[in-house]
């Protein structure tokens, strides 16, 4: 996949976005606002999910409390039905594997994890995040949030 490039307010027509567990849990629990606006900036968003994130959702489904367990189950079902699963390296910590994949494949990452978001930005990776149920863009070259 070609690297993303900012050109005014527009990126290429299709943007792969790798999602972490935190983002998927929120996505499964609440409807998002501003998706159309973000897609007008990035092009169509193609959600991809690491296999290790699907496994983590399965662990949460089995071991978390009732509400969190149901949210994890819903997120896992959403992933299986609507998103593409990609393999990530097993040896690294999940966050390290996400950063490595994003750098190698020139894709954006969706997360609400502040620590991961900061590490992604420091690696010059486009980040999508959530605030008040709104999808926002955090990018080191373009700090304007939608």
Protein backbone atom coordinates (compact mmCIF):
# COMPACT_ATOMS: atom_id res chain seq x y z
CA UNK A 1 0.00 0.00 0.00
CA UNK A 2 1.34 3.43 -0.92
CA UNK A 3 2.13 5.88 1.86
CA UNK A 4 -0.49 8.45 2.78
CA UNK A 5 0.22 12.01 1.76
CA UNK A 6 -1.44 15.18 2.94
CA UNK A 7 -2.45 17.35 -0.01
CA UNK A 8 -4.34 20.32 1.28
CA UNK A 9 -7.23 18.72 3.13
CA UNK A 10 -7.28 15.50 1.16
CA UNK A 11 -5.52 12.18 1.23
CA UNK A 12 -5.76 9.35 -1.26
CA UNK A 13 -9.10 7.70 -2.04
CA UNK A 14 -8.69 4.76 0.34
CA UNK A 15 -6.97 4.73 3.73
CA UNK A 16 -6.20 1.55 5.63
CA UNK A 17 -6.72 2.05 9.35
CA UNK A 18 -5.39 -0.50 11.83
CA UNK A 19 -7.54 -0.62 14.99
CA UNK A 20 -6.40 -1.50 18.50
CA UNK A 21 -8.53 -3.12 21.21
CA UNK A 22 -9.40 0.14 22.98
CA UNK A 23 -10.81 1.68 19.81
CA UNK A 24 -12.82 -1.41 18.90
CA UNK A 25 -14.33 -1.62 22.39
CA UNK A 26 -15.58 1.96 22.13
CA UNK A 27 -16.71 1.41 18.55
CA UNK A 28 -18.81 -1.56 19.68
CA UNK A 29 -20.33 0.37 22.60
CA UNK A 30 -21.26 3.71 20.99
CA UNK A 31 -22.13 5.03 17.55
CA UNK A 32 -19.55 7.37 16.03
CA UNK A 33 -20.11 10.87 14.77
CA UNK A 34 -18.09 12.71 12.14
CA UNK A 35 -17.12 9.58 10.16
CA UNK A 36 -18.27 11.20 6.90
CA UNK A 37 -16.22 14.29 7.65
CA UNK A 38 -13.10 12.23 8.37
CA UNK A 39 -13.64 10.20 5.20
CA UNK A 40 -13.87 13.45 3.24
CA UNK A 41 -10.35 14.19 4.55
CA UNK A 42 -8.85 10.70 4.19
CA UNK A 43 -10.91 9.00 1.53
CA UNK A 44 -12.77 5.79 2.23
CA UNK A 45 -11.63 4.18 5.46
CA UNK A 46 -10.73 0.51 5.18
CA UNK A 47 -10.67 -0.93 8.72
CA UNK A 48 -8.13 -3.66 9.39
CA UNK A 49 -7.77 -5.51 12.68
CA UNK A 50 -4.70 -7.37 13.96
CA UNK A 51 -5.24 -11.04 14.74
CA UNK A 52 -3.75 -10.48 18.19
CA UNK A 53 -6.41 -7.84 18.89
CA UNK A 54 -9.15 -10.36 18.01
CA UNK A 55 -7.50 -12.78 20.45
CA UNK A 56 -7.42 -10.08 23.14
CA UNK A 57 -11.12 -9.40 22.58
CA UNK A 58 -11.75 -13.14 23.06
CA UNK A 59 -9.87 -13.09 26.37
CA UNK A 60 -11.88 -10.07 27.52
CA UNK A 61 -15.10 -11.80 26.51
CA UNK A 62 -14.21 -14.81 28.68
CA UNK A 63 -12.65 -13.06 31.67
CA UNK A 64 -14.09 -9.54 32.04
CA UNK A 65 -17.19 -8.51 33.94
CA UNK A 66 -20.61 -8.85 32.28
CA UNK A 67 -20.77 -5.42 30.58
CA UNK A 68 -17.16 -5.40 29.35
CA UNK A 69 -17.50 -9.05 28.29
CA UNK A 70 -20.56 -8.25 26.16
CA UNK A 71 -18.81 -5.25 24.59
CA UNK A 72 -15.78 -7.41 23.73
CA UNK A 73 -18.07 -10.05 22.20
CA UNK A 74 -19.84 -7.40 20.11
CA UNK A 75 -16.49 -5.94 18.98
CA UNK A 76 -15.17 -9.39 17.99
CA UNK A 77 -18.34 -10.14 16.01
CA UNK A 78 -18.11 -6.75 14.29
CA UNK A 79 -14.49 -7.51 13.35
CA UNK A 80 -15.32 -10.93 11.90
CA UNK A 81 -18.28 -9.65 9.86
CA UNK A 82 -17.13 -6.25 8.61
CA UNK A 83 -13.35 -5.83 8.87
CA UNK A 84 -10.25 -7.45 7.43
CA UNK A 85 -7.98 -9.36 9.84
CA UNK A 86 -4.21 -9.08 9.41
CA UNK A 87 -1.47 -11.14 11.09
CA UNK A 88 0.97 -9.34 13.40
CA UNK A 89 4.24 -10.58 14.83
CA UNK A 90 3.74 -12.66 17.97
CA UNK A 91 7.02 -11.90 19.70
CA UNK A 92 6.43 -8.22 20.38
CA UNK A 93 4.11 -6.48 22.80
CA UNK A 94 0.79 -5.66 21.08
CA UNK A 95 1.55 -1.91 20.93
CA UNK A 96 5.01 -2.58 19.47
CA UNK A 97 3.50 -4.90 16.86
CA UNK A 98 0.90 -2.27 15.92
CA UNK A 99 3.56 0.45 15.53
CA UNK A 100 5.80 -1.88 13.49
CA UNK A 101 2.92 -2.89 11.18
CA UNK A 102 1.82 0.73 10.67
CA UNK A 103 5.35 1.87 9.83
CA UNK A 104 6.00 -1.04 7.44
CA UNK A 105 2.62 -0.80 5.70
CA UNK A 106 2.19 2.99 5.76
CA UNK A 107 -1.27 2.80 7.31
CA UNK A 108 -3.05 4.88 9.94
CA UNK A 109 -3.92 3.56 13.40
CA UNK A 110 -7.13 4.08 15.37
CA UNK A 111 -6.72 4.11 19.16
CA UNK A 112 -7.96 5.89 22.26
CA UNK A 113 -4.88 4.80 24.22
CA UNK A 114 -2.98 8.04 24.95
CA UNK A 115 0.39 6.35 25.38
CA UNK A 116 0.09 4.44 22.10
CA UNK A 117 -1.22 7.56 20.32
CA UNK A 118 1.83 9.57 21.44
CA UNK A 119 4.22 6.82 20.34
CA UNK A 120 2.49 6.59 16.94
CA UNK A 121 2.71 10.35 16.42
CA UNK A 122 6.39 10.30 17.36
CA UNK A 123 6.84 7.67 14.62
CA UNK A 124 5.06 9.98 12.12
CA UNK A 125 2.02 7.70 11.85
CA UNK A 126 -1.43 9.17 11.21
CA UNK A 127 -3.70 8.50 14.20
CA UNK A 128 -7.48 8.43 14.43
CA UNK A 129 -8.91 8.76 17.90
CA UNK A 130 -12.21 9.44 19.62
CA UNK A 131 -13.47 12.26 21.78
CA UNK A 132 -17.09 12.66 22.86
CA UNK A 133 -18.14 9.96 20.36
CA UNK A 134 -16.50 11.88 17.51
CA UNK A 135 -13.83 10.47 15.26
CA UNK A 136 -10.84 12.84 15.16
CA UNK A 137 -7.57 12.97 13.25
CA UNK A 138 -4.34 13.46 15.19
CA UNK A 139 -1.37 13.96 12.89
CA UNK A 140 2.03 15.46 13.61
CA UNK A 141 1.89 17.54 10.43
CA UNK A 142 -1.73 18.59 10.74
CA UNK A 143 -2.97 19.14 14.27
CA UNK A 144 -6.39 20.40 13.18
CA UNK A 145 -8.98 18.07 14.62
CA UNK A 146 -12.18 17.64 12.69
